[in-house]
Amino acid sequence: MRVGLFDFELPPERIALRPARPRDAARMLLIDGAQPFADLRVSNLPARLRKGDVLVFNDTRVIPAQLEGTRGEARIGVTLHKRIDLRRWQAFVRNGKRLRTGDTINFQADVCAHAEALHSDGSWTLNFAGEEPLEVLLERAGRMPLPPYIASKRPTDEQDREDYQTLFAREDGAVAAPTAALHFTPDLIAALDAAEIQRETLTLHVGAGTFLPVKADDTTDHQMHAEWGRIDDATSARLNAARRAGGRIIAVGTTCLRLLESACGDDGVIKPFAGDTAIFITPGYRFKAIDGLMTNFHLPKSTLFMLVSALMGLERMQAVYAHAIGNGYRFYSYGDSSLLLPQVGA
């Protein structure tokens, strides 16, 4: 499909620079099949789900994955993308043309990394020196990797270390937050429990590639960056049992959706999974694992807007986004939410 079909105009003032407070006070646009749109709050979520439904969350934790350093007199910016092993990461490098294989990049707090290999997409393999755990080095030298559409408008600060983590974050490794889950609070979780809505977690370490623009003119020419994910045996068994009992599987975020679909066979059974996924979902895709999606509002011509268009239909999502823009919804990572429930049998 032509990438231009997924374009739309977003007024800059619609981009949220801070999350709602409390988090579950964010707005939520409900799209339930062919029914009219409903303007709600995230705190209304329990009333819009059914007993036995399952919300699936991503428990990845965002690490301070952005670093500023030097190679000689050249300033080098680094955004870690995908972990390779205990000391090596694949990273996107600003001013990378000044870098050569074998060079050392010196960051603050006596942290340094060696440039090992240049990849075809312009990213580098960096090997961090020393014996201290890399997580300790990043806490010392790194900063939270806010999306460029926020970081270009204000500096990252200490508040972002709390704001840019979900309530479920426990597995270090993401360089971008699974932002749909940023709206959840202890009070909302208690309300979901009272409504007998089930919860499950999986892990997908979101990479910086999620923010890269689609530069191809046609979706068939775009290549996704791989991300590592895991669904354990017990979780997959509970998800399948819940679905057999009539519960709906609602992915909280596109990261959960992509991993669930990667782990699901054509028979609709979700299997245990551990490894990389580079699944790219566009209109025409047949969903196997999920029955709905809770997600924020995405960038024009992004792979994520293509994904929600695959779930609900492109024309439907164009109308959804026109409604959201016209009614003052806040967009992107710190913005408002939507609950997408496709029409059964569509």
Protein backbone atom coordinates (compact mmCIF):
# COMPACT_ATOMS: atom_id res chain seq x y z
CA MET A 1 0.00 0.00 0.00
CA ARG A 2 1.09 3.56 -0.58
CA VAL A 3 2.50 5.09 2.60
CA GLY A 4 0.86 8.41 1.73
CA LEU A 5 -2.55 6.86 2.48
CA PHE A 6 -1.61 6.92 6.16
CA ASP A 7 -0.79 10.64 6.31
CA PHE A 8 -2.79 13.28 8.19
CA GLU A 9 -2.28 16.79 9.48
CA LEU A 10 -1.74 17.16 13.23
CA PRO A 11 -1.64 20.63 14.80
CA PRO A 12 1.55 20.89 16.90
CA GLU A 13 -0.42 21.94 19.98
CA ARG A 14 -2.06 18.49 20.05
CA ILE A 15 1.28 16.86 21.01
CA ALA A 16 1.32 16.19 24.77
CA LEU A 17 4.51 17.20 26.57
CA ARG A 18 3.48 15.85 30.00
CA PRO A 19 1.11 13.05 31.03
CA ALA A 20 -2.31 13.64 32.57
CA ARG A 21 -2.47 13.72 36.36
CA PRO A 22 -3.65 11.44 37.74
CA ARG A 23 -2.69 9.17 34.89
CA ASP A 24 -6.12 7.54 34.58
CA ALA A 25 -7.70 11.00 34.13
CA ALA A 26 -6.51 10.93 30.52
CA ARG A 27 -9.24 10.88 27.92
CA MET A 28 -10.14 7.64 26.15
CA LEU A 29 -11.92 7.45 22.81
CA LEU A 30 -13.95 4.26 22.51
CA ILE A 31 -14.42 2.76 19.05
CA ASP A 32 -16.64 -0.29 19.44
CA GLY A 33 -17.35 -1.90 16.09
CA ALA A 34 -19.61 0.29 13.96
CA GLN A 35 -21.14 2.09 16.94
CA PRO A 36 -20.75 5.88 17.29
CA PHE A 37 -17.56 7.06 18.98
CA ALA A 38 -17.74 7.57 22.75
CA ASP A 39 -15.63 10.21 24.54
CA LEU A 40 -14.62 8.74 27.90
CA ARG A 41 -11.84 8.75 30.49
CA VAL A 42 -9.36 5.94 31.07
CA SER A 43 -10.92 5.55 34.52
CA ASN A 44 -14.11 4.39 32.70
CA LEU A 45 -12.27 1.35 31.30
CA PRO A 46 -13.61 -1.29 33.75
CA ALA A 47 -17.20 -0.45 32.82
CA ARG A 48 -16.43 -0.95 29.13
CA LEU A 49 -14.97 -4.43 29.52
CA ARG A 50 -16.61 -7.73 30.42
CA LYS A 51 -16.04 -10.18 33.23
CA GLY A 52 -13.44 -12.68 32.00
CA ASP A 53 -11.76 -10.31 29.56
CA VAL A 54 -7.95 -10.22 29.80
CA LEU A 55 -5.80 -7.10 29.60
CA VAL A 56 -2.26 -7.93 28.48
CA PHE A 57 0.54 -5.61 29.60
CA ASN A 58 4.20 -5.26 28.67
CA ASP A 59 6.44 -5.38 31.75
CA THR A 60 9.54 -3.99 30.05
CA ARG A 61 11.35 -1.21 31.89
CA VAL A 62 12.86 1.79 30.11
CA ILE A 63 16.58 2.27 30.72
CA PRO A 64 18.48 5.60 30.47
CA ALA A 65 19.45 4.75 26.91
CA GLN A 66 20.54 8.14 25.55
CA LEU A 67 24.13 9.26 26.01
CA GLU A 68 26.18 12.26 24.92
CA GLY A 69 29.88 11.77 24.34
CA THR A 70 32.92 12.72 22.33
CA ARG A 71 35.33 11.03 19.93
CA GLY A 72 38.30 13.35 19.92
CA GLU A 73 36.82 16.80 19.34
CA ALA A 74 33.67 15.47 17.65
CA ARG A 75 30.45 15.35 19.67
CA ILE A 76 28.66 12.01 19.39
CA GLY A 77 25.05 11.28 20.41
CA VAL A 78 24.05 7.70 21.10
CA THR A 79 20.62 6.09 21.46
CA LEU A 80 20.79 2.42 22.38
CA HIS A 81 18.45 0.30 20.31
CA LYS A 82 18.82 -3.44 20.90
CA ARG A 83 20.88 -5.40 23.37
CA ILE A 84 23.32 -7.95 21.90
CA ASP A 85 24.93 -9.32 25.08
CA LEU A 86 26.02 -8.19 28.55
CA ARG A 87 28.29 -5.39 27.27
CA ARG A 88 27.29 -4.77 23.68
CA TRP A 89 24.34 -2.86 22.22
CA GLN A 90 23.26 -1.96 18.73
CA ALA A 91 22.83 1.83 18.74
CA PHE A 92 21.79 4.71 16.54
CA VAL A 93 24.55 7.32 16.48
CA ARG A 94 24.20 11.04 15.83
CA ASN A 95 27.21 12.39 13.95
CA GLY A 96 28.10 8.79 13.18
CA LYS A 97 30.01 9.79 10.06
CA ARG A 98 32.78 10.96 12.41
CA LEU A 99 33.08 7.45 13.82
CA ARG A 100 35.36 4.67 12.61
CA THR A 101 35.63 1.02 13.63
CA GLY A 102 37.83 0.78 16.73
CA ASP A 103 37.15 4.35 17.89
CA THR A 104 36.39 5.02 21.55
CA ILE A 105 33.47 7.23 22.55
CA ASN A 106 33.91 8.89 25.94
CA PHE A 107 30.76 9.69 27.86
CA GLN A 108 30.37 11.48 31.16
CA ALA A 109 31.07 9.81 34.53
CA ASP A 110 34.07 7.91 33.13
CA VAL A 111 31.88 5.72 30.92
CA CYS A 112 33.21 4.78 27.48
CA ALA A 113 32.35 2.44 24.62
CA HIS A 114 34.25 1.09 21.62
CA ALA A 115 32.76 1.22 18.12
CA GLU A 116 32.89 -2.38 16.92
CA ALA A 117 30.91 -2.56 13.68
CA LEU A 118 28.83 -0.39 11.35
CA HIS A 119 25.54 -1.90 10.17
CA SER A 120 23.84 -1.41 6.81
CA ASP A 121 21.13 0.77 8.38
CA GLY A 122 23.73 3.20 9.76
CA SER A 123 23.58 1.91 13.33
CA TRP A 124 26.66 0.72 15.25
CA THR A 125 27.56 -2.10 17.59
CA LEU A 126 29.02 -0.48 20.71
CA ASN A 127 31.00 -2.42 23.32
CA PHE A 128 31.02 -0.75 26.74
CA ALA A 129 34.31 -0.92 28.60
CA GLY A 130 34.85 -1.94 32.22
CA GLU A 131 33.54 -4.58 34.58
CA GLU A 132 30.65 -2.74 36.25
CA PRO A 133 27.22 -3.92 35.11
CA LEU A 134 26.07 -1.94 32.11
CA GLU A 135 22.87 -1.00 33.93
CA VAL A 136 24.98 0.80 36.55
CA LEU A 137 26.92 2.67 33.87
CA LEU A 138 23.74 3.80 32.13
CA GLU A 139 22.19 5.05 35.36
CA ARG A 140 25.34 7.11 35.84
CA ALA A 141 25.83 8.47 32.33
CA GLY A 142 22.53 8.12 30.47
CA ARG A 143 19.24 9.95 30.36
CA MET A 144 15.70 8.82 29.66
CA PRO A 145 15.13 8.42 25.91
CA LEU A 146 12.10 10.65 25.41
CA PRO A 147 10.64 10.51 21.90
CA PRO A 148 12.02 13.17 19.54
CA TYR A 149 8.67 14.94 19.26
CA ILE A 150 8.87 15.68 23.01
CA ALA A 151 12.64 16.05 23.39
CA SER A 152 12.72 18.66 20.61
CA LYS A 153 10.27 20.85 22.56
CA ARG A 154 11.65 20.62 26.09
CA PRO A 155 14.62 19.10 27.96
CA THR A 156 14.38 15.73 29.66
CA ASP A 157 14.21 16.11 33.45
CA GLU A 158 14.05 14.02 36.61
CA GLN A 159 10.25 13.87 36.48
CA ASP A 160 10.51 11.90 33.25
CA ARG A 161 12.31 9.09 35.10
CA GLU A 162 8.99 8.43 36.83
CA ASP A 163 6.55 9.59 34.15
CA TYR A 164 8.11 7.48 31.38
CA GLN A 165 7.74 4.18 33.26
CA THR A 166 4.59 2.13 33.54
CA LEU A 167 3.17 0.64 36.72
CA PHE A 168 4.22 -2.80 35.42
CA ALA A 169 7.86 -2.03 34.55
CA ARG A 170 10.24 -4.62 35.95
CA GLU A 171 12.36 -6.10 33.13
CA ASP A 172 15.19 -3.75 32.13
CA GLY A 173 15.77 -3.38 28.42
CA ALA A 174 13.41 -0.97 26.65
CA VAL A 175 14.55 2.27 25.08
CA ALA A 176 10.99 3.47 24.59
CA ALA A 177 8.03 3.05 26.92
CA PRO A 178 5.01 0.86 26.12
CA THR A 179 2.99 4.05 26.42
CA ALA A 180 -0.55 2.65 26.39
CA ALA A 181 0.07 1.36 29.92
CA LEU A 182 1.25 4.74 31.23
CA HIS A 183 -2.42 5.51 32.00
CA PHE A 184 -2.80 2.82 34.66
CA THR A 185 -2.85 3.63 38.38
CA PRO A 186 -3.31 1.50 41.52
CA ASP A 187 -6.90 2.78 41.78
CA LEU A 188 -7.66 1.71 38.22
CA ILE A 189 -6.11 -1.71 38.81
CA ALA A 190 -8.29 -2.12 41.92
CA ALA A 191 -11.37 -1.23 39.88
CA LEU A 192 -10.43 -3.75 37.19
CA ASP A 193 -9.95 -6.44 39.84
CA ALA A 194 -13.37 -5.64 41.30
CA ALA A 195 -14.88 -6.03 37.83
CA GLU A 196 -13.11 -9.42 37.47
CA ILE A 197 -11.06 -8.29 34.51
CA GLN A 198 -7.99 -10.51 34.31
CA ARG A 199 -4.41 -9.27 33.79
CA GLU A 200 -1.39 -10.91 32.19
CA THR A 201 2.09 -9.63 31.38
CA LEU A 202 4.63 -10.39 28.70
CA THR A 203 7.96 -8.77 27.87
CA LEU A 204 8.91 -6.96 24.69
CA HIS A 205 11.91 -4.65 24.86
CA VAL A 206 10.85 -1.72 22.72
CA GLY A 207 13.61 -0.43 20.47
CA ALA A 208 14.35 3.07 19.20
CA GLY A 209 13.29 1.89 15.75
CA THR A 210 9.69 2.49 16.84
CA PHE A 211 10.28 6.23 16.24
CA LEU A 212 11.97 5.90 12.86
CA PRO A 213 9.94 7.33 9.97
CA VAL A 214 8.79 5.12 7.12
CA LYS A 215 10.93 6.43 4.26
CA ALA A 216 9.66 4.05 1.59
CA ASP A 217 6.81 5.08 -0.72
CA ASP A 218 5.19 1.66 -0.43
CA THR A 219 4.70 -0.43 2.71
CA THR A 220 6.17 -3.49 0.99
CA ASP A 221 9.54 -1.72 0.83
CA HIS A 222 9.76 -0.89 4.55
CA GLN A 223 11.86 -3.10 6.82
CA MET A 224 11.04 -3.25 10.53
CA HIS A 225 13.75 -3.37 13.19
CA ALA A 226 13.69 -6.54 15.28
CA GLU A 227 12.83 -6.41 18.99
CA TRP A 228 13.25 -9.15 21.60
CA GLY A 229 10.22 -10.53 23.39
CA ARG A 230 9.09 -13.36 25.65
CA ILE A 231 5.80 -15.06 26.56
CA ASP A 232 6.26 -17.89 29.04
CA ASP A 233 4.44 -21.21 29.06
CA ALA A 234 2.14 -20.38 31.96
CA THR A 235 1.06 -17.05 30.49
CA SER A 236 0.27 -18.50 27.08
CA ALA A 237 -1.73 -21.31 28.73
CA ARG A 238 -3.81 -18.85 30.77
CA LEU A 239 -4.47 -16.64 27.73
CA ASN A 240 -5.67 -19.60 25.68
CA ALA A 241 -7.85 -20.82 28.55
CA ALA A 242 -9.43 -17.39 28.99
CA ARG A 243 -10.26 -17.21 25.30
CA ARG A 244 -11.77 -20.69 25.31
CA ALA A 245 -13.96 -19.56 28.21
CA GLY A 246 -15.27 -16.63 26.14
CA GLY A 247 -13.00 -13.87 27.41
CA ARG A 248 -11.56 -11.31 25.04
CA ILE A 249 -7.81 -10.73 24.79
CA ILE A 250 -7.23 -6.96 24.89
CA ALA A 251 -3.64 -5.90 24.19
CA VAL A 252 -2.60 -2.83 26.15
CA GLY A 253 -0.36 -1.28 23.54
CA THR A 254 0.92 -2.14 20.10
CA THR A 255 4.00 -3.82 21.59
CA CYS A 256 1.83 -6.43 23.31
CA LEU A 257 -0.26 -6.87 20.18
CA ARG A 258 2.77 -7.43 17.96
CA LEU A 259 4.28 -10.02 20.30
CA LEU A 260 0.98 -11.87 20.77
CA GLU A 261 0.45 -12.03 17.02
CA SER A 262 4.05 -13.20 16.54
CA ALA A 263 3.44 -16.04 19.02
CA CYS A 264 0.06 -17.12 17.63
CA GLY A 265 -0.50 -19.85 15.08
CA ASP A 266 -3.12 -19.85 12.36
CA ASP A 267 -5.25 -21.97 14.69
CA GLY A 268 -5.55 -19.02 17.10
CA VAL A 269 -3.48 -20.70 19.81
CA ILE A 270 -0.90 -18.47 21.51
CA LYS A 271 2.34 -20.38 21.98
CA PRO A 272 5.27 -19.70 24.32
CA PHE A 273 7.74 -17.37 22.64
CA ALA A 274 11.28 -16.17 23.27
CA GLY A 275 13.23 -14.37 20.57
CA ASP A 276 13.15 -11.54 18.07
CA THR A 277 10.11 -10.30 16.22
CA ALA A 278 10.02 -7.90 13.30
CA ILE A 279 6.34 -8.37 12.46
CA PHE A 280 4.93 -5.53 10.33
CA ILE A 281 1.13 -5.31 10.39
CA THR A 282 -0.67 -3.42 7.63
CA PRO A 283 -4.25 -3.49 6.28
CA GLY A 284 -5.09 -6.94 4.98
CA TYR A 285 -3.50 -8.69 7.95
CA ARG A 286 -5.73 -11.28 9.66
CA PHE A 287 -5.53 -10.94 13.45
CA LYS A 288 -5.34 -14.26 15.29
CA ALA A 289 -4.42 -13.58 18.91
CA ILE A 290 -6.25 -10.45 20.04
CA ASP A 291 -9.82 -9.17 20.20
CA GLY A 292 -9.09 -5.53 20.95
CA LEU A 293 -6.40 -2.94 21.56
CA MET A 294 -5.91 -0.07 23.98
CA THR A 295 -3.45 2.39 22.47
CA ASN A 296 -2.46 6.05 22.28
CA PHE A 297 -2.72 8.18 19.14
CA HIS A 298 0.14 7.66 16.70
CA LEU A 299 2.25 9.62 14.22
CA PRO A 300 1.23 10.18 10.59
CA LYS A 301 2.64 7.61 8.16
CA SER A 302 3.94 5.52 11.08
CA THR A 303 3.95 1.72 11.28
CA LEU A 304 1.71 2.04 14.35
CA PHE A 305 -0.98 4.01 12.51
CA MET A 306 -0.79 1.33 9.82
CA LEU A 307 -1.32 -1.31 12.53
CA VAL A 308 -4.45 0.29 13.98
CA SER A 309 -5.75 0.80 10.44
CA ALA A 310 -5.28 -2.92 9.86
CA LEU A 311 -7.32 -3.65 12.99
CA MET A 312 -10.21 -1.23 12.43
CA GLY A 313 -10.02 -0.29 8.75
CA LEU A 314 -8.22 2.69 7.23
CA GLU A 315 -11.31 4.81 6.60
CA ARG A 316 -12.57 4.14 10.12
CA MET A 317 -9.24 5.18 11.65
CA GLN A 318 -9.06 8.30 9.49
CA ALA A 319 -12.45 9.26 10.94
CA VAL A 320 -11.26 8.39 14.47
CA TYR A 321 -8.22 10.63 14.17
CA ALA A 322 -10.24 13.47 12.64
CA HIS A 323 -12.59 13.23 15.64
CA ALA A 324 -9.69 13.15 18.09
CA ILE A 325 -8.00 16.18 16.54
CA GLY A 326 -11.23 18.13 16.29
CA ASN A 327 -12.16 17.38 19.91
CA GLY A 328 -8.85 18.31 21.51
CA TYR A 329 -7.39 14.89 22.28
CA ARG A 330 -3.70 14.89 23.21
CA PHE A 331 -1.43 12.82 20.97
CA TYR A 332 1.58 10.51 21.22
CA SER A 333 3.48 9.04 24.16
CA TYR A 334 2.21 11.30 26.95
CA GLY A 335 -1.16 11.79 25.28
CA ASP A 336 -4.65 10.36 25.57
CA SER A 337 -5.85 6.84 24.85
CA SER A 338 -8.23 4.92 22.64
CA LEU A 339 -9.93 1.58 23.06
CA LEU A 340 -10.34 -0.20 19.73
CA LEU A 341 -12.80 -3.10 19.59
CA PRO A 342 -13.23 -4.36 16.03
CA GLN A 343 -16.60 -5.53 14.87
CA VAL A 344 -16.94 -9.27 15.41
CA GLY A 345 -16.66 -11.08 12.09
CA ALA A 346 -15.36 -8.02 10.26
